Amino acid sequence: MRNLFLFFVVLVLASVEGRADAPGPFGIGLVLGDPTGISANYYKSAERSIDGALAWNFGSETGLEFHADYLWHRRGIFHVETVPFSMLYGVGGRMLFVNSKNNEAAKTKIGPRLPLGIETNFNQKAIEVFAEIALVMNLIPATSADFDFGLGARVYF
């Protein structure tokens, strides 16, 4: 697993070298928090994108998580010196494959997800940094609520 992580980091850093001046609409990177894993985003326009993550959930019920969201971006909500920050919000869904504990059967939680966050791309460079919190309403196998949160970075190609 460590070798796979190192390979991923080297691949991302190698791609930044040649694309820093003209990034494309697709970005891939890491998100740290709950869940922690690989994050991707595809910009359909300057104000809309589709993002997703394949990650490990460390909450009260650990397991593999996949989520995908349709996002709206409000550009330049505030600035820190010359760096503009944008707000993101959206709607999506999450599947959490919960690890079984003791003799308990494994289960899958499925439900809608409402993310809210901030992001910056350092004045149109190829690296984007983001922070996000999301309310998740599990509907399957039973109704309950969770929160996802994370800090991450992506490199755009």
N, C-alpha and C. Protein backbone atom coordinates (compact mmCIF):
# COMPACT_ATOMS: atom_id res chain seq x y z
N MET A 1 0.82 -1.18 0.00
CA MET A 1 0.00 0.00 0.00
C MET A 1 0.87 1.26 0.00
N ARG A 2 1.96 1.23 0.79
CA ARG A 2 2.85 2.38 0.84
C ARG A 2 3.49 2.64 -0.52
N ASN A 3 3.89 1.58 -1.23
CA ASN A 3 4.49 1.74 -2.55
C ASN A 3 3.50 2.34 -3.54
N LEU A 4 2.23 1.92 -3.44
CA LEU A 4 1.20 2.47 -4.32
C LEU A 4 1.01 3.96 -4.05
N PHE A 5 1.01 4.36 -2.78
CA PHE A 5 0.89 5.75 -2.42
C PHE A 5 2.06 6.57 -2.97
N LEU A 6 3.28 6.07 -2.81
CA LEU A 6 4.47 6.78 -3.31
C LEU A 6 4.44 6.90 -4.83
N PHE A 7 4.01 5.85 -5.51
CA PHE A 7 3.88 5.89 -6.97
C PHE A 7 2.90 6.98 -7.37
N PHE A 8 1.76 7.06 -6.67
CA PHE A 8 0.75 8.06 -6.96
C PHE A 8 1.31 9.48 -6.77
N VAL A 9 2.02 9.72 -5.68
CA VAL A 9 2.59 11.04 -5.41
C VAL A 9 3.59 11.43 -6.49
N VAL A 10 4.47 10.50 -6.88
CA VAL A 10 5.46 10.79 -7.93
C VAL A 10 4.76 11.09 -9.25
N LEU A 11 3.74 10.33 -9.59
CA LEU A 11 2.99 10.55 -10.82
C LEU A 11 2.34 11.93 -10.84
N VAL A 12 1.73 12.32 -9.74
CA VAL A 12 1.08 13.63 -9.66
C VAL A 12 2.12 14.74 -9.76
N LEU A 13 3.20 14.64 -9.02
CA LEU A 13 4.23 15.68 -9.05
C LEU A 13 4.89 15.79 -10.43
N ALA A 14 5.09 14.69 -11.10
CA ALA A 14 5.68 14.72 -12.45
C ALA A 14 4.76 15.41 -13.43
N SER A 15 3.47 15.27 -13.26
CA SER A 15 2.54 15.89 -14.19
C SER A 15 2.41 17.39 -13.97
N VAL A 16 2.69 17.88 -12.77
CA VAL A 16 2.60 19.31 -12.49
C VAL A 16 3.63 20.09 -13.28
N GLU A 17 4.82 19.54 -13.46
CA GLU A 17 5.92 20.22 -14.13
C GLU A 17 5.53 20.80 -15.48
N GLY A 18 4.91 19.98 -16.32
CA GLY A 18 4.63 20.41 -17.68
C GLY A 18 3.29 21.10 -17.86
N ARG A 19 2.39 21.06 -16.87
CA ARG A 19 1.04 21.57 -17.05
C ARG A 19 0.71 22.76 -16.18
N ALA A 20 1.65 23.32 -15.46
CA ALA A 20 1.35 24.39 -14.51
C ALA A 20 0.80 25.63 -15.17
N ASP A 21 1.12 25.88 -16.44
CA ASP A 21 0.65 27.09 -17.09
C ASP A 21 -0.67 26.90 -17.82
N ALA A 22 -1.08 25.69 -18.13
CA ALA A 22 -2.30 25.46 -18.89
C ALA A 22 -3.04 24.21 -18.39
N PRO A 23 -3.61 24.28 -17.19
CA PRO A 23 -4.30 23.10 -16.68
C PRO A 23 -5.59 22.84 -17.44
N GLY A 24 -5.96 21.57 -17.51
CA GLY A 24 -7.20 21.16 -18.15
C GLY A 24 -8.32 21.05 -17.13
N PRO A 25 -9.47 20.47 -17.54
CA PRO A 25 -10.64 20.42 -16.67
C PRO A 25 -10.64 19.27 -15.67
N PHE A 26 -9.73 18.29 -15.80
CA PHE A 26 -9.74 17.12 -14.93
C PHE A 26 -8.65 17.22 -13.89
N GLY A 27 -9.02 17.01 -12.63
CA GLY A 27 -8.06 17.04 -11.53
C GLY A 27 -8.15 15.79 -10.69
N ILE A 28 -7.01 15.37 -10.18
CA ILE A 28 -6.95 14.20 -9.30
C ILE A 28 -5.99 14.51 -8.17
N GLY A 29 -6.30 14.00 -6.98
CA GLY A 29 -5.45 14.27 -5.84
C GLY A 29 -5.87 13.48 -4.63
N LEU A 30 -5.57 14.03 -3.48
CA LEU A 30 -5.85 13.36 -2.21
C LEU A 30 -6.77 14.20 -1.35
N VAL A 31 -7.61 13.52 -0.57
CA VAL A 31 -8.42 14.18 0.45
C VAL A 31 -8.08 13.51 1.78
N LEU A 32 -7.86 14.33 2.81
CA LEU A 32 -7.53 13.85 4.15
C LEU A 32 -8.63 14.26 5.10
N GLY A 33 -9.09 13.34 5.90
CA GLY A 33 -10.17 13.62 6.86
C GLY A 33 -10.97 12.37 7.07
N ASP A 34 -12.27 12.52 7.03
CA ASP A 34 -13.17 11.38 7.15
C ASP A 34 -14.19 11.49 6.03
N PRO A 35 -13.90 10.92 4.89
CA PRO A 35 -12.95 9.87 4.54
C PRO A 35 -11.59 10.40 4.07
N THR A 36 -10.62 9.50 3.98
CA THR A 36 -9.28 9.79 3.48
C THR A 36 -9.01 8.90 2.28
N GLY A 37 -8.61 9.51 1.16
CA GLY A 37 -8.34 8.71 -0.03
C GLY A 37 -8.09 9.54 -1.27
N ILE A 38 -8.48 9.00 -2.41
CA ILE A 38 -8.25 9.63 -3.71
C ILE A 38 -9.48 10.45 -4.09
N SER A 39 -9.25 11.67 -4.54
CA SER A 39 -10.31 12.58 -4.93
C SER A 39 -10.11 13.00 -6.38
N ALA A 40 -11.20 13.14 -7.11
CA ALA A 40 -11.13 13.60 -8.50
C ALA A 40 -12.23 14.62 -8.74
N ASN A 41 -12.01 15.50 -9.72
CA ASN A 41 -12.99 16.52 -10.08
C ASN A 41 -12.89 16.79 -11.57
N TYR A 42 -14.04 17.00 -12.20
CA TYR A 42 -14.07 17.36 -13.62
C TYR A 42 -14.95 18.59 -13.78
N TYR A 43 -14.35 19.69 -14.28
CA TYR A 43 -15.09 20.92 -14.50
C TYR A 43 -15.84 20.86 -15.82
N LYS A 44 -17.16 20.96 -15.75
CA LYS A 44 -18.00 21.02 -16.95
C LYS A 44 -18.02 22.45 -17.50
N SER A 45 -17.89 23.42 -16.59
CA SER A 45 -17.78 24.84 -16.94
C SER A 45 -17.08 25.51 -15.76
N ALA A 46 -16.92 26.82 -15.81
CA ALA A 46 -16.25 27.52 -14.72
C ALA A 46 -17.07 27.48 -13.43
N GLU A 47 -18.38 27.30 -13.54
CA GLU A 47 -19.26 27.31 -12.38
C GLU A 47 -19.80 25.95 -11.97
N ARG A 48 -19.54 24.90 -12.75
CA ARG A 48 -20.11 23.58 -12.43
C ARG A 48 -19.07 22.48 -12.63
N SER A 49 -19.14 21.49 -11.72
CA SER A 49 -18.23 20.35 -11.84
C SER A 49 -18.86 19.10 -11.24
N ILE A 50 -18.22 17.98 -11.53
CA ILE A 50 -18.60 16.70 -10.94
C ILE A 50 -17.37 16.19 -10.19
N ASP A 51 -17.54 15.88 -8.92
CA ASP A 51 -16.40 15.36 -8.16
C ASP A 51 -16.76 14.02 -7.55
N GLY A 52 -15.74 13.33 -7.09
CA GLY A 52 -15.94 12.04 -6.46
C GLY A 52 -14.71 11.64 -5.68
N ALA A 53 -14.89 10.64 -4.83
CA ALA A 53 -13.76 10.14 -4.04
C ALA A 53 -13.95 8.65 -3.79
N LEU A 54 -12.84 7.97 -3.76
CA LEU A 54 -12.76 6.58 -3.34
C LEU A 54 -11.83 6.61 -2.14
N ALA A 55 -12.39 6.34 -0.97
CA ALA A 55 -11.63 6.62 0.25
C ALA A 55 -12.01 5.69 1.38
N TRP A 56 -11.25 5.77 2.46
CA TRP A 56 -11.50 4.97 3.65
C TRP A 56 -12.15 5.85 4.70
N ASN A 57 -13.29 5.41 5.21
CA ASN A 57 -14.03 6.15 6.23
C ASN A 57 -13.54 5.73 7.60
N PHE A 58 -13.16 6.70 8.44
CA PHE A 58 -12.65 6.42 9.77
C PHE A 58 -13.65 6.78 10.86
N GLY A 59 -14.90 7.02 10.52
CA GLY A 59 -15.91 7.42 11.50
C GLY A 59 -16.26 6.30 12.45
N SER A 60 -17.44 6.40 13.04
CA SER A 60 -17.87 5.39 14.01
C SER A 60 -18.00 4.02 13.35
N GLU A 61 -18.28 4.00 12.06
CA GLU A 61 -18.31 2.76 11.31
C GLU A 61 -17.29 2.87 10.18
N THR A 62 -16.20 2.13 10.29
CA THR A 62 -15.14 2.20 9.30
C THR A 62 -15.49 1.37 8.08
N GLY A 63 -14.93 1.78 6.95
CA GLY A 63 -15.14 1.03 5.73
C GLY A 63 -14.79 1.83 4.50
N LEU A 64 -14.91 1.20 3.35
CA LEU A 64 -14.61 1.82 2.07
C LEU A 64 -15.80 2.68 1.65
N GLU A 65 -15.50 3.92 1.23
CA GLU A 65 -16.55 4.85 0.82
C GLU A 65 -16.33 5.29 -0.62
N PHE A 66 -17.42 5.40 -1.35
CA PHE A 66 -17.42 6.02 -2.66
C PHE A 66 -18.50 7.09 -2.63
N HIS A 67 -18.13 8.31 -3.03
CA HIS A 67 -19.16 9.34 -3.17
C HIS A 67 -18.92 10.13 -4.44
N ALA A 68 -19.99 10.69 -4.97
CA ALA A 68 -19.94 11.54 -6.16
C ALA A 68 -20.94 12.67 -5.97
N ASP A 69 -20.56 13.87 -6.43
CA ASP A 69 -21.39 15.06 -6.24
C ASP A 69 -21.41 15.90 -7.51
N TYR A 70 -22.53 16.58 -7.72
CA TYR A 70 -22.62 17.63 -8.73
C TYR A 70 -22.46 18.93 -7.97
N LEU A 71 -21.46 19.74 -8.34
CA LEU A 71 -21.11 20.94 -7.58
C LEU A 71 -21.33 22.23 -8.37
N TRP A 72 -21.73 23.26 -7.65
CA TRP A 72 -21.78 24.62 -8.17
C TRP A 72 -20.68 25.40 -7.46
N HIS A 73 -20.00 26.27 -8.19
CA HIS A 73 -18.89 27.06 -7.65
C HIS A 73 -19.23 28.54 -7.75
N ARG A 74 -19.14 29.25 -6.63
CA ARG A 74 -19.32 30.70 -6.60
C ARG A 74 -17.93 31.31 -6.49
N ARG A 75 -17.43 31.84 -7.60
CA ARG A 75 -16.05 32.33 -7.70
C ARG A 75 -15.83 33.64 -6.95
N GLY A 76 -14.65 33.76 -6.35
CA GLY A 76 -14.20 35.01 -5.74
C GLY A 76 -15.06 35.50 -4.58
N ILE A 77 -15.56 34.60 -3.74
CA ILE A 77 -16.39 35.00 -2.60
C ILE A 77 -15.59 35.91 -1.66
N PHE A 78 -14.32 35.58 -1.43
CA PHE A 78 -13.44 36.44 -0.63
C PHE A 78 -12.00 36.23 -1.10
N HIS A 79 -11.12 37.16 -0.70
CA HIS A 79 -9.71 37.11 -1.08
C HIS A 79 -8.84 37.17 0.18
N VAL A 80 -7.75 36.46 0.15
CA VAL A 80 -6.71 36.59 1.17
C VAL A 80 -5.50 37.12 0.42
N GLU A 81 -5.20 38.38 0.68
CA GLU A 81 -4.23 39.13 -0.12
C GLU A 81 -4.66 39.06 -1.58
N THR A 82 -3.88 38.42 -2.46
CA THR A 82 -4.28 38.36 -3.87
C THR A 82 -4.85 37.01 -4.29
N VAL A 83 -5.03 36.11 -3.33
CA VAL A 83 -5.52 34.76 -3.65
C VAL A 83 -7.04 34.71 -3.49
N PRO A 84 -7.78 34.44 -4.59
CA PRO A 84 -9.24 34.36 -4.49
C PRO A 84 -9.70 33.00 -3.97
N PHE A 85 -10.74 33.01 -3.14
CA PHE A 85 -11.35 31.79 -2.65
C PHE A 85 -12.77 31.70 -3.17
N SER A 86 -13.18 30.50 -3.50
CA SER A 86 -14.52 30.26 -4.01
C SER A 86 -15.29 29.37 -3.04
N MET A 87 -16.60 29.48 -3.10
CA MET A 87 -17.46 28.61 -2.32
C MET A 87 -17.98 27.51 -3.25
N LEU A 88 -18.12 26.30 -2.72
CA LEU A 88 -18.72 25.22 -3.49
C LEU A 88 -19.86 24.61 -2.69
N TYR A 89 -20.87 24.19 -3.40
CA TYR A 89 -22.01 23.51 -2.77
C TYR A 89 -22.60 22.58 -3.82
N GLY A 90 -23.32 21.58 -3.37
CA GLY A 90 -23.86 20.64 -4.34
C GLY A 90 -24.75 19.58 -3.74
N VAL A 91 -24.99 18.57 -4.56
CA VAL A 91 -25.80 17.43 -4.17
C VAL A 91 -25.20 16.18 -4.81
N GLY A 92 -25.26 15.08 -4.09
CA GLY A 92 -24.69 13.85 -4.62
C GLY A 92 -25.16 12.65 -3.84
N GLY A 93 -24.35 11.61 -3.86
CA GLY A 93 -24.69 10.39 -3.16
C GLY A 93 -23.46 9.72 -2.62
N ARG A 94 -23.67 8.84 -1.63
CA ARG A 94 -22.57 8.13 -1.01
C ARG A 94 -22.96 6.68 -0.78
N MET A 95 -21.96 5.80 -0.99
CA MET A 95 -22.07 4.40 -0.62
C MET A 95 -20.93 4.11 0.35
N LEU A 96 -21.27 3.55 1.51
CA LEU A 96 -20.28 3.19 2.51
C LEU A 96 -20.39 1.69 2.77
N PHE A 97 -19.32 0.97 2.47
CA PHE A 97 -19.27 -0.47 2.70
C PHE A 97 -18.66 -0.68 4.08
N VAL A 98 -19.51 -0.85 5.09
CA VAL A 98 -19.09 -0.92 6.49
C VAL A 98 -18.43 -2.26 6.78
N ASN A 99 -17.27 -2.20 7.45
CA ASN A 99 -16.58 -3.42 7.89
C ASN A 99 -17.43 -4.15 8.92
N SER A 100 -17.41 -5.46 8.87
CA SER A 100 -18.12 -6.24 9.89
C SER A 100 -17.27 -6.30 11.15
N LYS A 101 -17.93 -6.26 12.30
CA LYS A 101 -17.25 -6.34 13.59
C LYS A 101 -17.75 -7.58 14.31
N ASN A 102 -16.82 -8.31 14.88
CA ASN A 102 -17.14 -9.56 15.59
C ASN A 102 -17.99 -10.46 14.70
N ASN A 103 -19.20 -10.79 15.11
CA ASN A 103 -20.05 -11.67 14.30
C ASN A 103 -21.15 -10.90 13.57
N GLU A 104 -21.05 -9.59 13.59
CA GLU A 104 -22.03 -8.76 12.92
C GLU A 104 -21.84 -8.85 11.41
N ALA A 105 -22.92 -8.92 10.68
CA ALA A 105 -22.84 -9.00 9.22
C ALA A 105 -22.43 -7.64 8.65
N ALA A 106 -21.65 -7.69 7.58
CA ALA A 106 -21.26 -6.46 6.89
C ALA A 106 -22.51 -5.83 6.27
N LYS A 107 -22.51 -4.50 6.16
CA LYS A 107 -23.65 -3.82 5.57
C LYS A 107 -23.18 -2.69 4.68
N THR A 108 -24.07 -2.23 3.85
CA THR A 108 -23.79 -1.12 2.96
C THR A 108 -24.78 0.00 3.26
N LYS A 109 -24.25 1.20 3.49
CA LYS A 109 -25.09 2.37 3.72
C LYS A 109 -25.12 3.21 2.44
N ILE A 110 -26.30 3.61 2.04
CA ILE A 110 -26.48 4.40 0.83
C ILE A 110 -27.40 5.57 1.14
N GLY A 111 -27.03 6.76 0.62
CA GLY A 111 -27.89 7.91 0.83
C GLY A 111 -27.38 9.15 0.13
N PRO A 112 -28.21 10.19 0.09
CA PRO A 112 -27.81 11.45 -0.54
C PRO A 112 -26.79 12.19 0.32
N ARG A 113 -26.04 13.07 -0.34
CA ARG A 113 -24.94 13.81 0.29
C ARG A 113 -25.04 15.27 -0.14
N LEU A 114 -24.91 16.19 0.82
CA LEU A 114 -24.97 17.63 0.54
C LEU A 114 -23.67 18.29 0.97
N PRO A 115 -22.72 18.49 0.03
CA PRO A 115 -21.43 19.09 0.38
C PRO A 115 -21.47 20.62 0.36
N LEU A 116 -20.61 21.21 1.19
CA LEU A 116 -20.41 22.65 1.25
C LEU A 116 -18.94 22.87 1.57
N GLY A 117 -18.29 23.80 0.85
CA GLY A 117 -16.88 24.00 1.11
C GLY A 117 -16.31 25.26 0.49
N ILE A 118 -14.99 25.40 0.63
CA ILE A 118 -14.25 26.49 0.00
C ILE A 118 -13.07 25.88 -0.77
N GLU A 119 -12.60 26.64 -1.75
CA GLU A 119 -11.49 26.17 -2.57
C GLU A 119 -10.73 27.37 -3.13
N THR A 120 -9.49 27.11 -3.52
CA THR A 120 -8.70 28.10 -4.24
C THR A 120 -7.80 27.36 -5.22
N ASN A 121 -7.52 28.02 -6.33
CA ASN A 121 -6.62 27.43 -7.32
C ASN A 121 -5.37 28.28 -7.50
N PHE A 122 -5.05 29.09 -6.51
CA PHE A 122 -3.82 29.89 -6.53
C PHE A 122 -3.67 30.69 -7.82
N ASN A 123 -4.68 31.48 -8.13
CA ASN A 123 -4.63 32.36 -9.30
C ASN A 123 -4.40 31.60 -10.61
N GLN A 124 -5.26 30.63 -10.88
CA GLN A 124 -5.29 29.90 -12.15
C GLN A 124 -4.11 28.95 -12.38
N LYS A 125 -3.53 28.45 -11.35
CA LYS A 125 -2.46 27.45 -11.50
C LYS A 125 -3.08 26.06 -11.54
N ALA A 126 -2.28 25.06 -11.74
CA ALA A 126 -2.78 23.69 -11.91
C ALA A 126 -3.11 22.99 -10.60
N ILE A 127 -2.83 23.60 -9.45
CA ILE A 127 -3.09 22.97 -8.17
C ILE A 127 -4.27 23.66 -7.50
N GLU A 128 -5.23 22.86 -7.06
CA GLU A 128 -6.40 23.37 -6.34
C GLU A 128 -6.39 22.79 -4.92
N VAL A 129 -6.66 23.61 -3.93
CA VAL A 129 -6.75 23.19 -2.55
C VAL A 129 -8.19 23.43 -2.10
N PHE A 130 -8.75 22.48 -1.33
CA PHE A 130 -10.15 22.62 -0.92
C PHE A 130 -10.37 22.10 0.49
N ALA A 131 -11.43 22.59 1.10
CA ALA A 131 -11.92 22.10 2.39
C ALA A 131 -13.42 21.91 2.22
N GLU A 132 -13.93 20.80 2.77
CA GLU A 132 -15.32 20.46 2.52
C GLU A 132 -15.93 19.77 3.73
N ILE A 133 -17.20 20.04 3.96
CA ILE A 133 -18.00 19.30 4.93
C ILE A 133 -19.27 18.89 4.20
N ALA A 134 -19.78 17.70 4.52
CA ALA A 134 -20.98 17.23 3.82
C ALA A 134 -21.90 16.51 4.80
N LEU A 135 -23.17 16.84 4.72
CA LEU A 135 -24.19 16.12 5.47
C LEU A 135 -24.62 14.93 4.62
N VAL A 136 -24.63 13.74 5.22
CA VAL A 136 -25.05 12.52 4.52
C VAL A 136 -26.26 11.97 5.25
N MET A 137 -27.32 11.71 4.50
CA MET A 137 -28.53 11.11 5.05
C MET A 137 -28.61 9.67 4.57
N ASN A 138 -28.22 8.74 5.42
CA ASN A 138 -28.28 7.33 5.04
C ASN A 138 -29.74 6.90 4.99
N LEU A 139 -30.13 6.27 3.89
CA LEU A 139 -31.49 5.78 3.72
C LEU A 139 -31.56 4.26 3.73
N ILE A 140 -30.46 3.63 3.34
CA ILE A 140 -30.38 2.17 3.29
C ILE A 140 -29.20 1.75 4.15
N PRO A 141 -29.28 0.81 5.02
CA PRO A 141 -30.39 -0.08 5.35
C PRO A 141 -31.37 0.54 6.34
N ALA A 142 -31.02 1.65 7.00
CA ALA A 142 -31.91 2.34 7.92
C ALA A 142 -31.60 3.83 7.86
N THR A 143 -32.52 4.64 8.29
CA THR A 143 -32.34 6.08 8.24
C THR A 143 -31.44 6.54 9.39
N SER A 144 -30.40 7.27 9.02
CA SER A 144 -29.49 7.88 9.99
C SER A 144 -28.73 9.00 9.28
N ALA A 145 -28.03 9.81 10.04
CA ALA A 145 -27.28 10.93 9.47
C ALA A 145 -25.80 10.81 9.83
N ASP A 146 -24.94 11.23 8.90
CA ASP A 146 -23.49 11.26 9.09
C ASP A 146 -22.95 12.58 8.55
N PHE A 147 -21.73 12.90 8.93
CA PHE A 147 -21.01 14.02 8.34
C PHE A 147 -19.71 13.50 7.74
N ASP A 148 -19.36 13.96 6.55
CA ASP A 148 -18.05 13.77 5.96
C ASP A 148 -17.33 15.11 6.03
N PHE A 149 -16.03 15.09 6.18
CA PHE A 149 -15.25 16.33 6.14
C PHE A 149 -13.87 16.00 5.60
N GLY A 150 -13.25 16.98 4.97
CA GLY A 150 -11.93 16.73 4.45
C GLY A 150 -11.23 17.99 3.98
N LEU A 151 -9.91 17.88 3.96
CA LEU A 151 -9.02 18.87 3.36
C LEU A 151 -8.28 18.14 2.24
N GLY A 152 -8.14 18.78 1.10
CA GLY A 152 -7.49 18.08 0.01
C GLY A 152 -6.85 18.99 -0.98
N ALA A 153 -6.17 18.35 -1.94
CA ALA A 153 -5.52 19.07 -3.04
C ALA A 153 -5.62 18.20 -4.28
N ARG A 154 -5.76 18.86 -5.43
CA ARG A 154 -5.82 18.17 -6.71
C ARG A 154 -4.92 18.86 -7.71
N VAL A 155 -4.40 18.07 -8.62
CA VAL A 155 -3.61 18.58 -9.74
C VAL A 155 -4.46 18.44 -10.99
N TYR A 156 -4.53 19.51 -11.79
CA TYR A 156 -5.36 19.51 -13.01
C TYR A 156 -4.52 19.29 -14.25
N PHE A 157 -5.05 18.48 -15.16
CA PHE A 157 -4.38 18.10 -16.40
C PHE A 157 -5.09 18.74 -17.56
